[in-house]
N, C-alpha and C. Protein backbone atom coordinates (compact mmCIF):
# COMPACT_ATOMS: atom_id res chain seq x y z
N MET A 1 38.32 64.19 73.32
CA MET A 1 37.89 65.42 73.78
C MET A 1 39.02 66.58 73.77
N LYS A 2 38.53 67.72 73.42
CA LYS A 2 39.40 68.96 73.56
C LYS A 2 38.85 69.88 74.38
N VAL A 3 39.84 70.65 75.05
CA VAL A 3 39.40 71.69 76.05
C VAL A 3 40.26 73.08 75.72
N LYS A 4 39.51 74.18 75.86
CA LYS A 4 40.07 75.43 75.86
C LYS A 4 39.68 76.33 76.88
N ILE A 5 40.50 77.48 77.06
CA ILE A 5 40.08 78.35 78.09
C ILE A 5 39.90 79.71 77.45
N ASP A 6 38.76 80.38 77.45
CA ASP A 6 38.59 81.69 77.02
C ASP A 6 39.31 82.65 78.05
N LYS A 7 40.30 83.08 77.57
CA LYS A 7 41.20 84.03 78.56
C LYS A 7 40.43 85.42 78.88
N ASP A 8 39.58 85.85 77.94
CA ASP A 8 38.76 86.88 78.21
C ASP A 8 37.76 86.81 79.37
N LEU A 9 37.27 85.56 79.50
CA LEU A 9 36.38 85.26 80.52
C LEU A 9 37.09 84.81 81.80
N CYS A 10 38.23 84.22 81.72
CA CYS A 10 38.80 83.58 82.93
C CYS A 10 39.29 84.78 83.91
N THR A 11 38.71 84.58 85.10
CA THR A 11 39.18 85.55 86.23
C THR A 11 40.31 84.87 87.11
N GLY A 12 40.74 83.74 86.83
CA GLY A 12 41.94 83.28 87.59
C GLY A 12 41.51 82.74 88.94
N CYS A 13 40.31 82.30 89.14
CA CYS A 13 40.03 81.70 90.36
C CYS A 13 40.74 80.48 90.84
N GLY A 14 41.12 79.70 89.79
CA GLY A 14 41.98 78.40 90.06
C GLY A 14 41.11 77.32 90.39
N LEU A 15 39.81 77.28 90.36
CA LEU A 15 39.09 76.18 90.40
C LEU A 15 39.37 74.91 89.57
N CYS A 16 39.57 75.33 88.31
CA CYS A 16 39.91 74.32 87.31
C CYS A 16 41.29 73.57 87.72
N VAL A 17 42.17 74.37 88.16
CA VAL A 17 43.48 73.66 88.53
C VAL A 17 43.28 72.73 89.77
N ASP A 18 42.42 73.35 90.72
CA ASP A 18 42.22 72.41 91.90
C ASP A 18 41.42 71.23 91.49
N THR A 19 40.67 71.18 90.54
CA THR A 19 39.83 70.14 90.13
C THR A 19 40.58 69.07 89.28
N CYS A 20 41.44 69.58 88.30
CA CYS A 20 42.17 68.82 87.49
C CYS A 20 43.64 69.47 87.22
N PRO A 21 44.50 69.33 88.05
CA PRO A 21 45.85 69.78 87.76
C PRO A 21 46.71 69.26 86.72
N GLU A 22 46.27 68.12 86.28
CA GLU A 22 46.90 67.33 85.21
C GLU A 22 46.69 67.87 83.84
N VAL A 23 45.48 68.74 83.67
CA VAL A 23 45.29 69.42 82.44
C VAL A 23 45.33 70.91 82.58
N PHE A 24 44.97 71.53 83.71
CA PHE A 24 45.08 73.03 83.86
C PHE A 24 46.16 73.44 84.76
N GLU A 25 46.63 74.65 84.47
CA GLU A 25 47.70 75.40 85.28
C GLU A 25 47.40 76.83 85.26
N MET A 26 47.89 77.47 86.30
CA MET A 26 47.82 78.99 86.37
C MET A 26 49.08 79.52 85.71
N LEU A 27 48.76 80.75 84.97
CA LEU A 27 49.88 81.32 84.24
C LEU A 27 49.49 82.82 84.15
N ASP A 28 50.17 83.58 84.94
CA ASP A 28 50.02 85.11 84.87
C ASP A 28 48.47 85.39 85.29
N ASP A 29 48.11 84.79 86.36
CA ASP A 29 46.81 84.98 87.01
C ASP A 29 45.53 84.59 86.24
N VAL A 30 45.94 83.82 85.05
CA VAL A 30 44.73 83.15 84.40
C VAL A 30 45.08 81.72 84.07
N ALA A 31 43.99 80.92 83.99
CA ALA A 31 44.24 79.44 83.68
C ALA A 31 44.83 79.24 82.23
N LYS A 32 45.46 78.07 82.32
CA LYS A 32 46.04 77.69 80.89
C LYS A 32 45.88 76.24 80.78
N VAL A 33 45.57 75.74 79.54
CA VAL A 33 45.36 74.33 79.31
C VAL A 33 46.64 73.80 79.02
N LYS A 34 47.15 72.86 79.74
CA LYS A 34 48.45 71.99 79.53
C LYS A 34 48.24 71.00 78.41
N LEU A 35 47.09 70.32 78.35
CA LEU A 35 46.79 69.38 77.49
C LEU A 35 45.65 69.63 76.69
N GLU A 36 45.66 70.13 75.50
CA GLU A 36 44.35 70.46 74.72
C GLU A 36 43.61 69.24 74.40
N ASP A 37 44.38 68.15 74.06
CA ASP A 37 43.70 66.86 73.84
C ASP A 37 43.66 66.07 75.12
N VAL A 38 42.50 66.05 75.75
CA VAL A 38 42.31 65.49 77.05
C VAL A 38 42.40 63.97 77.12
N PRO A 39 43.35 63.47 77.75
CA PRO A 39 43.40 61.92 78.07
C PRO A 39 42.08 61.48 78.57
N GLN A 40 41.62 60.23 78.17
CA GLN A 40 40.46 59.84 78.58
C GLN A 40 40.27 59.63 80.09
N GLU A 41 41.34 59.43 80.83
CA GLU A 41 41.28 59.22 82.32
C GLU A 41 40.95 60.61 83.07
N TYR A 42 41.19 61.69 82.27
CA TYR A 42 40.89 62.99 82.90
C TYR A 42 39.61 63.75 82.43
N GLU A 43 38.92 63.02 81.51
CA GLU A 43 37.61 63.63 81.00
C GLU A 43 36.64 64.01 81.87
N GLU A 44 36.25 63.32 82.95
CA GLU A 44 35.34 63.44 83.95
C GLU A 44 35.80 64.69 84.78
N LYS A 45 36.99 64.76 85.04
CA LYS A 45 37.37 65.83 85.94
C LYS A 45 37.39 67.22 85.15
N VAL A 46 37.66 67.19 83.79
CA VAL A 46 37.49 68.25 82.93
C VAL A 46 36.24 68.81 82.73
N LYS A 47 35.13 67.80 82.69
CA LYS A 47 33.81 68.16 82.57
C LYS A 47 33.41 68.79 83.87
N GLU A 48 33.83 68.33 85.09
CA GLU A 48 33.53 68.84 86.35
C GLU A 48 34.03 70.35 86.48
N ALA A 49 35.20 70.52 85.96
CA ALA A 49 35.83 71.89 85.97
C ALA A 49 35.07 72.87 85.11
N ALA A 50 34.68 72.27 84.06
CA ALA A 50 33.93 73.24 83.06
C ALA A 50 32.45 73.54 83.83
N GLN A 51 31.95 72.52 84.22
CA GLN A 51 30.59 72.91 84.92
C GLN A 51 30.73 73.70 86.08
N ASN A 52 31.71 73.90 86.78
CA ASN A 52 31.88 74.49 88.01
C ASN A 52 32.72 75.82 87.85
N CYS A 53 33.00 76.21 86.71
CA CYS A 53 33.69 77.39 86.19
C CYS A 53 32.70 78.48 86.33
N PRO A 54 33.00 79.51 87.40
CA PRO A 54 31.99 80.54 87.76
C PRO A 54 31.75 81.64 86.46
N THR A 55 32.77 81.47 85.53
CA THR A 55 32.46 82.49 84.36
C THR A 55 32.27 81.70 83.02
N GLU A 56 32.32 80.34 83.02
CA GLU A 56 32.07 79.58 81.96
C GLU A 56 33.07 79.67 80.92
N ALA A 57 34.30 79.89 81.32
CA ALA A 57 35.50 80.17 80.44
C ALA A 57 36.06 78.79 79.90
N ILE A 58 35.72 77.72 80.45
CA ILE A 58 36.31 76.50 79.98
C ILE A 58 35.37 76.01 78.80
N LYS A 59 35.75 75.67 77.65
CA LYS A 59 35.24 75.25 76.52
C LYS A 59 35.55 73.80 76.07
N ILE A 60 34.56 72.97 76.07
CA ILE A 60 34.88 71.45 75.71
C ILE A 60 34.42 71.19 74.29
N SER A 61 34.97 70.46 73.46
CA SER A 61 34.51 70.00 72.18
C SER A 61 34.98 68.65 71.97
């Protein structure tokens, strides 16, 4: 699984970082992906973060 954040959509709410700090971090008031290739043990948390993102900025492939 790969994950990206659309910086144009991200509002910096930090929900993804709260949900999965192993994969996401805040940088300059927007979220950033630390691990584009998501380790299997974090896949469910990343999916949860994407589903709960208020602006749908998290893209999974």
